[in-house]
Amino acid sequence: MKLPPFALAIVTAAAPAVAQQARTCVVADPTGTLLNVRDTPNGTVVGEITNGAWVKATDRTTSRGKPWVFIHDSDRNGTLGEPLGWVFAAYVKCR
């Protein structure tokens, strides 16, 4: 997924420190649509990511009673890539 430069700057500034227990995940949005990537949980949409995309979840939080994860680009091997932003945790399946 490619974010516009301004969005990447916003997300990078809001990115949490990479957790020691980062998990490799795959996007699995049951609606079949692109999954919104946000600058903060419940925040502004800064991008979208397709179902089946591999990501790395590096942080977890709860906002308004719902779980969110902070994701980075990744691949099947779990390589940590650029920070992307926050997504609703129910729409990613992690190992």
PDB file of N, CA and C in Angstrom:
ATOM      1  N   MET A   1       0.845  -1.173   0.000  1.00  0.00           N
ATOM      2  CA  MET A   1       0.000   0.000   0.000  1.00  0.00           C
ATOM      3  C   MET A   1       0.885   1.229   0.000  1.00  0.00           C
ATOM      4  N   LYS A   2       0.550   2.201  -0.787  1.00  0.00           N
ATOM      5  CA  LYS A   2       1.307   3.443  -0.878  1.00  0.00           C
ATOM      6  C   LYS A   2       0.470   4.569  -0.305  1.00  0.00           C
ATOM      7  N   LEU A   3       1.015   5.259   0.688  1.00  0.00           N
ATOM      8  CA  LEU A   3       0.326   6.398   1.277  1.00  0.00           C
ATOM      9  C   LEU A   3       0.895   7.681   0.697  1.00  0.00           C
ATOM     10  N   PRO A   4       0.077   8.731   0.578  1.00  0.00           N
ATOM     11  CA  PRO A   4       0.613  10.010   0.132  1.00  0.00           C
ATOM     12  C   PRO A   4       1.624  10.527   1.148  1.00  0.00           C
ATOM     13  N   PRO A   5       2.621  11.312   0.726  1.00  0.00           N
ATOM     14  CA  PRO A   5       3.684  11.776   1.642  1.00  0.00           C
ATOM     15  C   PRO A   5       3.160  12.450   2.901  1.00  0.00           C
ATOM     16  N   PHE A   6       2.109  13.290   2.790  1.00  0.00           N
ATOM     17  CA  PHE A   6       1.596  13.972   3.980  1.00  0.00           C
ATOM     18  C   PHE A   6       1.010  12.971   4.966  1.00  0.00           C
ATOM     19  N   ALA A   7       0.347  11.933   4.466  1.00  0.00           N
ATOM     20  CA  ALA A   7      -0.255  10.927   5.337  1.00  0.00           C
ATOM     21  C   ALA A   7       0.826  10.120   6.035  1.00  0.00           C
ATOM     22  N   LEU A   8       1.889   9.777   5.308  1.00  0.00           N
ATOM     23  CA  LEU A   8       2.977   9.010   5.903  1.00  0.00           C
ATOM     24  C   LEU A   8       3.621   9.799   7.029  1.00  0.00           C
ATOM     25  N   ALA A   9       3.769  11.104   6.851  1.00  0.00           N
ATOM     26  CA  ALA A   9       4.352  11.940   7.897  1.00  0.00           C
ATOM     27  C   ALA A   9       3.463  11.961   9.135  1.00  0.00           C
ATOM     28  N   ILE A  10       2.153  12.047   8.943  1.00  0.00           N
ATOM     29  CA  ILE A  10       1.220  12.044  10.072  1.00  0.00           C
ATOM     30  C   ILE A  10       1.260  10.710  10.792  1.00  0.00           C
ATOM     31  N   VAL A  11       1.194   9.626  10.043  1.00  0.00           N
ATOM     32  CA  VAL A  11       1.191   8.294  10.643  1.00  0.00           C
ATOM     33  C   VAL A  11       2.509   8.014  11.349  1.00  0.00           C
ATOM     34  N   THR A  12       3.624   8.389  10.733  1.00  0.00           N
ATOM     35  CA  THR A  12       4.928   8.151  11.345  1.00  0.00           C
ATOM     36  C   THR A  12       5.035   8.890  12.670  1.00  0.00           C
ATOM     37  N   ALA A  13       4.522  10.110  12.738  1.00  0.00           N
ATOM     38  CA  ALA A  13       4.567  10.884  13.978  1.00  0.00           C
ATOM     39  C   ALA A  13       3.722  10.233  15.057  1.00  0.00           C
ATOM     40  N   ALA A  14       2.613   9.583  14.667  1.00  0.00           N
ATOM     41  CA  ALA A  14       1.710   8.967  15.631  1.00  0.00           C
ATOM     42  C   ALA A  14       2.038   7.503  15.886  1.00  0.00           C
ATOM     43  N   ALA A  15       3.049   6.975  15.208  1.00  0.00           N
ATOM     44  CA  ALA A  15       3.376   5.550  15.312  1.00  0.00           C
ATOM     45  C   ALA A  15       3.927   5.224  16.698  1.00  0.00           C
ATOM     46  N   PRO A  16       3.438   4.150  17.282  1.00  0.00           N
ATOM     47  CA  PRO A  16       3.981   3.727  18.565  1.00  0.00           C
ATOM     48  C   PRO A  16       5.343   3.084  18.353  1.00  0.00           C
ATOM     49  N   ALA A  17       6.110   2.980  19.415  1.00  0.00           N
ATOM     50  CA  ALA A  17       7.373   2.261  19.326  1.00  0.00           C
ATOM     51  C   ALA A  17       7.072   0.812  18.945  1.00  0.00           C
ATOM     52  N   VAL A  18       7.942   0.211  18.155  1.00  0.00           N
ATOM     53  CA  VAL A  18       7.713  -1.163  17.717  1.00  0.00           C
ATOM     54  C   VAL A  18       7.785  -2.088  18.926  1.00  0.00           C
ATOM     55  N   ALA A  19       6.723  -2.798  19.135  1.00  0.00           N
ATOM     56  CA  ALA A  19       6.633  -3.712  20.274  1.00  0.00           C
ATOM     57  C   ALA A  19       7.540  -4.915  20.052  1.00  0.00           C
ATOM     58  N   GLN A  20       8.010  -5.509  21.118  1.00  0.00           N
ATOM     59  CA  GLN A  20       8.857  -6.685  21.025  1.00  0.00           C
ATOM     60  C   GLN A  20       8.086  -7.890  20.508  1.00  0.00           C
ATOM     61  N   GLN A  21       6.788  -7.927  20.702  1.00  0.00           N
ATOM     62  CA  GLN A  21       5.975  -9.070  20.295  1.00  0.00           C
ATOM     63  C   GLN A  21       5.155  -8.754  19.051  1.00  0.00           C
ATOM     64  N   ALA A  22       5.774  -8.141  18.042  1.00  0.00           N
ATOM     65  CA  ALA A  22       5.068  -7.850  16.797  1.00  0.00           C
ATOM     66  C   ALA A  22       4.583  -9.157  16.186  1.00  0.00           C
ATOM     67  N   ARG A  23       3.375  -9.129  15.638  1.00  0.00           N
ATOM     68  CA  ARG A  23       2.766 -10.342  15.086  1.00  0.00           C
ATOM     69  C   ARG A  23       2.526 -10.187  13.593  1.00  0.00           C
ATOM     70  N   THR A  24       2.784 -11.263  12.849  1.00  0.00           N
ATOM     71  CA  THR A  24       2.500 -11.277  11.425  1.00  0.00           C
ATOM     72  C   THR A  24       1.020 -11.583  11.233  1.00  0.00           C
ATOM     73  N   CYS A  25       0.365 -10.764  10.395  1.00  0.00           N
ATOM     74  CA  CYS A  25      -1.081 -10.868  10.214  1.00  0.00           C
ATOM     75  C   CYS A  25      -1.434 -10.749   8.732  1.00  0.00           C
ATOM     76  N   VAL A  26      -2.665 -11.127   8.428  1.00  0.00           N
ATOM     77  CA  VAL A  26      -3.197 -10.937   7.083  1.00  0.00           C
ATOM     78  C   VAL A  26      -4.516 -10.168   7.205  1.00  0.00           C
ATOM     79  N   VAL A  27      -4.733  -9.227   6.295  1.00  0.00           N
ATOM     80  CA  VAL A  27      -5.973  -8.448   6.295  1.00  0.00           C
ATOM     81  C   VAL A  27      -7.113  -9.369   5.872  1.00  0.00           C
ATOM     82  N   ALA A  28      -8.168  -9.411   6.684  1.00  0.00           N
ATOM     83  CA  ALA A  28      -9.311 -10.297   6.439  1.00  0.00           C
ATOM     84  C   ALA A  28     -10.605  -9.562   6.758  1.00  0.00           C
ATOM     85  N   ASP A  29     -10.902  -8.533   5.974  1.00  0.00           N
ATOM     86  CA  ASP A  29     -12.117  -7.737   6.172  1.00  0.00           C
ATOM     87  C   ASP A  29     -13.310  -8.534   5.654  1.00  0.00           C
ATOM     88  N   PRO A  30     -14.247  -8.912   6.529  1.00  0.00           N
ATOM     89  CA  PRO A  30     -15.373  -9.751   6.104  1.00  0.00           C
ATOM     90  C   PRO A  30     -16.333  -9.055   5.137  1.00  0.00           C
ATOM     91  N   THR A  31     -16.240  -7.739   5.018  1.00  0.00           N
ATOM     92  CA  THR A  31     -17.129  -7.039   4.091  1.00  0.00           C
ATOM     93  C   THR A  31     -16.645  -7.158   2.650  1.00  0.00           C
ATOM     94  N   GLY A  32     -15.394  -7.592   2.448  1.00  0.00           N
ATOM     95  CA  GLY A  32     -14.854  -7.733   1.109  1.00  0.00           C
ATOM     96  C   GLY A  32     -14.412  -6.419   0.488  1.00  0.00           C
ATOM     97  N   THR A  33     -14.471  -5.328   1.251  1.00  0.00           N
ATOM     98  CA  THR A  33     -14.038  -4.025   0.746  1.00  0.00           C
ATOM     99  C   THR A  33     -12.624  -3.739   1.229  1.00  0.00           C
ATOM    100  N   LEU A  34     -12.051  -2.658   0.736  1.00  0.00           N
ATOM    101  CA  LEU A  34     -10.743  -2.240   1.229  1.00  0.00           C
ATOM    102  C   LEU A  34     -10.856  -1.860   2.702  1.00  0.00           C
ATOM    103  N   LEU A  35      -9.836  -2.175   3.469  1.00  0.00           N
ATOM    104  CA  LEU A  35      -9.825  -1.860   4.899  1.00  0.00           C
ATOM    105  C   LEU A  35      -9.225  -0.473   5.100  1.00  0.00           C
ATOM    106  N   ASN A  36      -9.940   0.384   5.813  1.00  0.00           N
ATOM    107  CA  ASN A  36      -9.439   1.734   6.098  1.00  0.00           C
ATOM    108  C   ASN A  36      -8.272   1.678   7.069  1.00  0.00           C
ATOM    109  N   VAL A  37      -7.250   2.454   6.776  1.00  0.00           N
ATOM    110  CA  VAL A  37      -6.093   2.630   7.653  1.00  0.00           C
ATOM    111  C   VAL A  37      -6.197   4.054   8.187  1.00  0.00           C
ATOM    112  N   ARG A  38      -6.080   4.209   9.511  1.00  0.00           N
ATOM    113  CA  ARG A  38      -6.334   5.510  10.145  1.00  0.00           C
ATOM    114  C   ARG A  38      -5.100   6.038  10.875  1.00  0.00           C
ATOM    115  N   ASP A  39      -5.059   7.355  11.076  1.00  0.00           N
ATOM    116  CA  ASP A  39      -3.927   7.962  11.774  1.00  0.00           C
ATOM    117  C   ASP A  39      -3.950   7.669  13.270  1.00  0.00           C
ATOM    118  N   THR A  40      -5.133   7.469  13.840  1.00  0.00           N
ATOM    119  CA  THR A  40      -5.313   7.071  15.230  1.00  0.00           C
ATOM    120  C   THR A  40      -6.527   6.138  15.263  1.00  0.00           C
ATOM    121  N   PRO A  41      -6.709   5.363  16.319  1.00  0.00           N
ATOM    122  CA  PRO A  41      -7.936   4.566  16.402  1.00  0.00           C
ATOM    123  C   PRO A  41      -9.159   5.481  16.283  1.00  0.00           C
ATOM    124  N   ASN A  42     -10.096   5.130  15.413  1.00  0.00           N
ATOM    125  CA  ASN A  42     -11.289   5.945  15.128  1.00  0.00           C
ATOM    126  C   ASN A  42     -10.951   7.293  14.505  1.00  0.00           C
ATOM    127  N   GLY A  43      -9.711   7.467  14.053  1.00  0.00           N
ATOM    128  CA  GLY A  43      -9.276   8.757  13.518  1.00  0.00           C
ATOM    129  C   GLY A  43      -9.525   8.907  12.026  1.00  0.00           C
ATOM    130  N   THR A  44      -8.808   9.829  11.443  1.00  0.00           N
ATOM    131  CA  THR A  44      -8.921  10.149  10.024  1.00  0.00           C
ATOM    132  C   THR A  44      -8.350   9.036   9.166  1.00  0.00           C
ATOM    133  N   VAL A  45      -9.067   8.684   8.094  1.00  0.00           N
ATOM    134  CA  VAL A  45      -8.591   7.660   7.158  1.00  0.00           C
ATOM    135  C   VAL A  45      -7.425   8.253   6.366  1.00  0.00           C
ATOM    136  N   VAL A  46      -6.279   7.540   6.375  1.00  0.00           N
ATOM    137  CA  VAL A  46      -5.090   7.996   5.654  1.00  0.00           C
ATOM    138  C   VAL A  46      -4.727   7.063   4.503  1.00  0.00           C
ATOM    139  N   GLY A  47      -5.451   5.957   4.383  1.00  0.00           N
ATOM    140  CA  GLY A  47      -5.187   5.014   3.302  1.00  0.00           C
ATOM    141  C   GLY A  47      -6.124   3.831   3.390  1.00  0.00           C
ATOM    142  N   GLU A  48      -5.919   2.894   2.474  1.00  0.00           N
ATOM    143  CA  GLU A  48      -6.698   1.664   2.446  1.00  0.00           C
ATOM    144  C   GLU A  48      -5.759   0.514   2.136  1.00  0.00           C
ATOM    145  N   ILE A  49      -6.161  -0.680   2.519  1.00  0.00           N
ATOM    146  CA  ILE A  49      -5.344  -1.858   2.258  1.00  0.00           C
ATOM    147  C   ILE A  49      -6.269  -3.005   1.846  1.00  0.00           C
ATOM    148  N   THR A  50      -5.811  -3.837   0.948  1.00  0.00           N
ATOM    149  CA  THR A  50      -6.652  -4.893   0.385  1.00  0.00           C
ATOM    150  C   THR A  50      -6.684  -6.148   1.252  1.00  0.00           C
ATOM    151  N   ASN A  51      -7.754  -6.889   1.122  1.00  0.00           N
ATOM    152  CA  ASN A  51      -7.844  -8.197   1.765  1.00  0.00           C
ATOM    153  C   ASN A  51      -6.711  -9.073   1.249  1.00  0.00           C
ATOM    154  N   GLY A  52      -6.164  -9.868   2.139  1.00  0.00           N
ATOM    155  CA  GLY A  52      -5.088 -10.767   1.774  1.00  0.00           C
ATOM    156  C   GLY A  52      -3.699 -10.178   1.907  1.00  0.00           C
ATOM    157  N   ALA A  53      -3.608  -8.861   2.164  1.00  0.00           N
ATOM    158  CA  ALA A  53      -2.303  -8.220   2.322  1.00  0.00           C
ATOM    159  C   ALA A  53      -1.672  -8.655   3.645  1.00  0.00           C
ATOM    160  N   TRP A  54      -0.368  -8.935   3.615  1.00  0.00           N
ATOM    161  CA  TRP A  54       0.365  -9.281   4.829  1.00  0.00           C
ATOM    162  C   TRP A  54       0.820  -8.014   5.522  1.00  0.00           C
ATOM    163  N   VAL A  55       0.636  -7.959   6.837  1.00  0.00           N
ATOM    164  CA  VAL A  55       1.033  -6.807   7.644  1.00  0.00           C
ATOM    165  C   VAL A  55       1.664  -7.312   8.936  1.00  0.00           C
ATOM    166  N   LYS A  56       2.294  -6.401   9.643  1.00  0.00           N
ATOM    167  CA  LYS A  56       2.874  -6.705  10.952  1.00  0.00           C
ATOM    168  C   LYS A  56       2.171  -5.823  11.973  1.00  0.00           C
ATOM    169  N   ALA A  57       1.521  -6.429  12.968  1.00  0.00           N
ATOM    170  CA  ALA A  57       0.852  -5.688  14.040  1.00  0.00           C
ATOM    171  C   ALA A  57       1.861  -5.453  15.156  1.00  0.00           C
ATOM    172  N   THR A  58       2.094  -4.179  15.479  1.00  0.00           N
ATOM    173  CA  THR A  58       3.131  -3.859  16.457  1.00  0.00           C
ATOM    174  C   THR A  58       2.609  -3.241  17.739  1.00  0.00           C
ATOM    175  N   ASP A  59       1.345  -2.877  17.762  1.00  0.00           N
ATOM    176  CA  ASP A  59       0.770  -2.302  18.984  1.00  0.00           C
ATOM    177  C   ASP A  59      -0.717  -2.581  18.984  1.00  0.00           C
ATOM    178  N   ARG A  60      -1.309  -2.545  20.164  1.00  0.00           N
ATOM    179  CA  ARG A  60      -2.738  -2.826  20.319  1.00  0.00           C
ATOM    180  C   ARG A  60      -3.283  -1.859  21.347  1.00  0.00           C
ATOM    181  N   THR A  61      -4.525  -1.399  21.098  1.00  0.00           N
ATOM    182  CA  THR A  61      -5.182  -0.520  22.055  1.00  0.00           C
ATOM    183  C   THR A  61      -6.693  -0.710  21.934  1.00  0.00           C
ATOM    184  N   THR A  62      -7.426  -0.099  22.831  1.00  0.00           N
ATOM    185  CA  THR A  62      -8.886  -0.115  22.784  1.00  0.00           C
ATOM    186  C   THR A  62      -9.358   1.330  22.701  1.00  0.00           C
ATOM    187  N   SER A  63     -10.308   1.573  21.813  1.00  0.00           N
ATOM    188  CA  SER A  63     -10.890   2.901  21.677  1.00  0.00           C
ATOM    189  C   SER A  63     -12.392   2.742  21.527  1.00  0.00           C
ATOM    190  N   ARG A  64     -13.138   3.458  22.362  1.00  0.00           N
ATOM    191  CA  ARG A  64     -14.600   3.359  22.377  1.00  0.00           C
ATOM    192  C   ARG A  64     -15.049   1.911  22.544  1.00  0.00           C
ATOM    193  N   GLY A  65     -14.283   1.160  23.338  1.00  0.00           N
ATOM    194  CA  GLY A  65     -14.639  -0.214  23.652  1.00  0.00           C
ATOM    195  C   GLY A  65     -14.296  -1.230  22.568  1.00  0.00           C
ATOM    196  N   LYS A  66     -13.596  -0.804  21.498  1.00  0.00           N
ATOM    197  CA  LYS A  66     -13.262  -1.720  20.411  1.00  0.00           C
ATOM    198  C   LYS A  66     -11.750  -1.830  20.255  1.00  0.00           C
ATOM    199  N   PRO A  67     -11.272  -3.029  19.895  1.00  0.00           N
ATOM    200  CA  PRO A  67      -9.829  -3.239  19.764  1.00  0.00           C
ATOM    201  C   PRO A  67      -9.278  -2.751  18.416  1.00  0.00           C
ATOM    202  N   TRP A  68      -8.105  -2.133  18.457  1.00  0.00           N
ATOM    203  CA  TRP A  68      -7.407  -1.628  17.278  1.00  0.00           C
ATOM    204  C   TRP A  68      -5.967  -2.114  17.310  1.00  0.00           C
ATOM    205  N   VAL A  69      -5.357  -2.276  16.135  1.00  0.00           N
ATOM    206  CA  VAL A  69      -3.944  -2.625  16.053  1.00  0.00           C
ATOM    207  C   VAL A  69      -3.242  -1.647  15.124  1.00  0.00           C
ATOM    208  N   PHE A  70      -1.977  -1.358  15.455  1.00  0.00           N
ATOM    209  CA  PHE A  70      -1.143  -0.530  14.591  1.00  0.00           C
ATOM    210  C   PHE A  70      -0.375  -1.465  13.679  1.00  0.00           C
ATOM    211  N   ILE A  71      -0.440  -1.214  12.366  1.00  0.00           N
ATOM    212  CA  ILE A  71       0.188  -2.125  11.413  1.00  0.00           C
ATOM    213  C   ILE A  71       1.298  -1.457  10.609  1.00  0.00           C
ATOM    214  N   HIS A  72       2.211  -2.310  10.165  1.00  0.00           N
ATOM    215  CA  HIS A  72       3.297  -1.941   9.262  1.00  0.00           C
ATOM    216  C   HIS A  72       3.182  -2.824   8.030  1.00  0.00           C
ATOM    217  N   ASP A  73       3.741  -2.375   6.915  1.00  0.00           N
ATOM    218  CA  ASP A  73       3.887  -3.250   5.753  1.00  0.00           C
ATOM    219  C   ASP A  73       4.640  -4.492   6.191  1.00  0.00           C
ATOM    220  N   SER A  74       4.370  -5.604   5.538  1.00  0.00           N
ATOM    221  CA  SER A  74       5.081  -6.843   5.847  1.00  0.00           C
ATOM    222  C   SER A  74       4.999  -7.777   4.643  1.00  0.00           C
ATOM    223  N   ASP A  75       5.514  -8.962   4.822  1.00  0.00           N
ATOM    224  CA  ASP A  75       5.376 -10.015   3.827  1.00  0.00           C
ATOM    225  C   ASP A  75       5.115 -11.308   4.582  1.00  0.00           C
ATOM    226  N   ARG A  76       4.951 -12.400   3.854  1.00  0.00           N
ATOM    227  CA  ARG A  76       4.647 -13.675   4.517  1.00  0.00           C
ATOM    228  C   ARG A  76       5.705 -14.092   5.528  1.00  0.00           C
ATOM    229  N   ASN A  77       6.930 -13.628   5.334  1.00  0.00           N
ATOM    230  CA  ASN A  77       8.019 -13.984   6.247  1.00  0.00           C
ATOM    231  C   ASN A  77       8.042 -13.114   7.497  1.00  0.00           C
ATOM    232  N   GLY A  78       7.177 -12.109   7.547  1.00  0.00           N
ATOM    233  CA  GLY A  78       7.102 -11.265   8.732  1.00  0.00           C
ATOM    234  C   GLY A  78       8.091 -10.122   8.751  1.00  0.00           C
ATOM    235  N   THR A  79       8.662  -9.779   7.591  1.00  0.00           N
ATOM    236  CA  THR A  79       9.589  -8.662   7.523  1.00  0.00           C
ATOM    237  C   THR A  79       8.852  -7.366   7.854  1.00  0.00           C
ATOM    238  N   LEU A  80       9.408  -6.590   8.766  1.00  0.00           N
ATOM    239  CA  LEU A  80       8.781  -5.341   9.190  1.00  0.00           C
ATOM    240  C   LEU A  80       9.093  -4.239   8.194  1.00  0.00           C
ATOM    241  N   GLY A  81       8.039  -3.639   7.634  1.00  0.00           N
ATOM    242  CA  GLY A  81       8.203  -2.558   6.667  1.00  0.00           C
ATOM    243  C   GLY A  81       7.777  -1.230   7.247  1.00  0.00           C
ATOM    244  N   GLU A  82       7.388  -0.321   6.370  1.00  0.00           N
ATOM    245  CA  GLU A  82       6.997   1.029   6.772  1.00  0.00           C
ATOM    246  C   GLU A  82       5.728   1.029   7.613  1.00  0.00           C
ATOM    247  N   PRO A  83       5.613   1.967   8.562  1.00  0.00           N
ATOM    248  CA  PRO A  83       4.378   2.071   9.341  1.00  0.00           C
ATOM    249  C   PRO A  83       3.231   2.524   8.445  1.00  0.00           C
ATOM    250  N   LEU A  84       2.049   1.947   8.661  1.00  0.00           N
ATOM    251  CA  LEU A  84       0.876   2.301   7.869  1.00  0.00           C
ATOM    252  C   LEU A  84      -0.147   3.060   8.696  1.00  0.00           C
ATOM    253  N   GLY A  85      -0.510   2.529   9.870  1.00  0.00           N
ATOM    254  CA  GLY A  85      -1.499   3.194  10.710  1.00  0.00           C
ATOM    255  C   GLY A  85      -2.336   2.197  11.480  1.00  0.00           C
ATOM    256  N   TRP A  86      -3.461   2.660  11.995  1.00  0.00           N
ATOM    257  CA  TRP A  86      -4.338   1.869  12.848  1.00  0.00           C
ATOM    258  C   TRP A  86      -5.480   1.268  12.047  1.00  0.00           C
ATOM    259  N   VAL A  87      -5.803   0.001  12.347  1.00  0.00           N
ATOM    260  CA  VAL A  87      -6.946  -0.680  11.732  1.00  0.00           C
ATOM    261  C   VAL A  87      -7.739  -1.389  12.817  1.00  0.00           C
ATOM    262  N   PHE A  88      -9.019  -1.618  12.529  1.00  0.00           N
ATOM    263  CA  PHE A  88      -9.881  -2.340  13.451  1.00  0.00           C
ATOM    264  C   PHE A  88      -9.362  -3.784  13.568  1.00  0.00           C
ATOM    265  N   ALA A  89      -9.066  -4.215  14.790  1.00  0.00           N
ATOM    266  CA  ALA A  89      -8.394  -5.487  15.028  1.00  0.00           C
ATOM    267  C   ALA A  89      -9.175  -6.708  14.528  1.00  0.00           C
ATOM    268  N   ALA A  90     -10.499  -6.628  14.520  1.00  0.00           N
ATOM    269  CA  ALA A  90     -11.295  -7.771  14.080  1.00  0.00           C
ATOM    270  C   ALA A  90     -11.097  -8.071  12.600  1.00  0.00           C
ATOM    271  N   TYR A  91     -10.521  -7.126  11.860  1.00  0.00           N
ATOM    272  CA  TYR A  91     -10.360  -7.298  10.416  1.00  0.00           C
ATOM    273  C   TYR A  91      -8.960  -7.720  10.010  1.00  0.00           C
ATOM    274  N   VAL A  92      -8.156  -8.145  10.969  1.00  0.00           N
ATOM    275  CA  VAL A  92      -6.864  -8.761  10.665  1.00  0.00           C
ATOM    276  C   VAL A  92      -6.759 -10.065  11.453  1.00  0.00           C
ATOM    277  N   LYS A  93      -6.213 -11.063  10.833  1.00  0.00           N
ATOM    278  CA  LYS A  93      -6.012 -12.361  11.488  1.00  0.00           C
ATOM    279  C   LYS A  93      -4.516 -12.544  11.684  1.00  0.00           C
ATOM    280  N   CYS A  94      -4.114 -12.719  12.936  1.00  0.00           N
ATOM    281  CA  CYS A  94      -2.689 -12.796  13.275  1.00  0.00           C
ATOM    282  C   CYS A  94      -2.299 -14.206  13.705  1.00  0.00           C
ATOM    283  N   ARG A  95      -1.038 -14.532  13.465  1.00  0.00           N
ATOM    284  CA  ARG A  95      -0.518 -15.830  13.908  1.00  0.00           C
ATOM    285  C   ARG A  95       0.033 -15.709  15.300  1.00  0.00           C
TER     286      ARG A  95
END
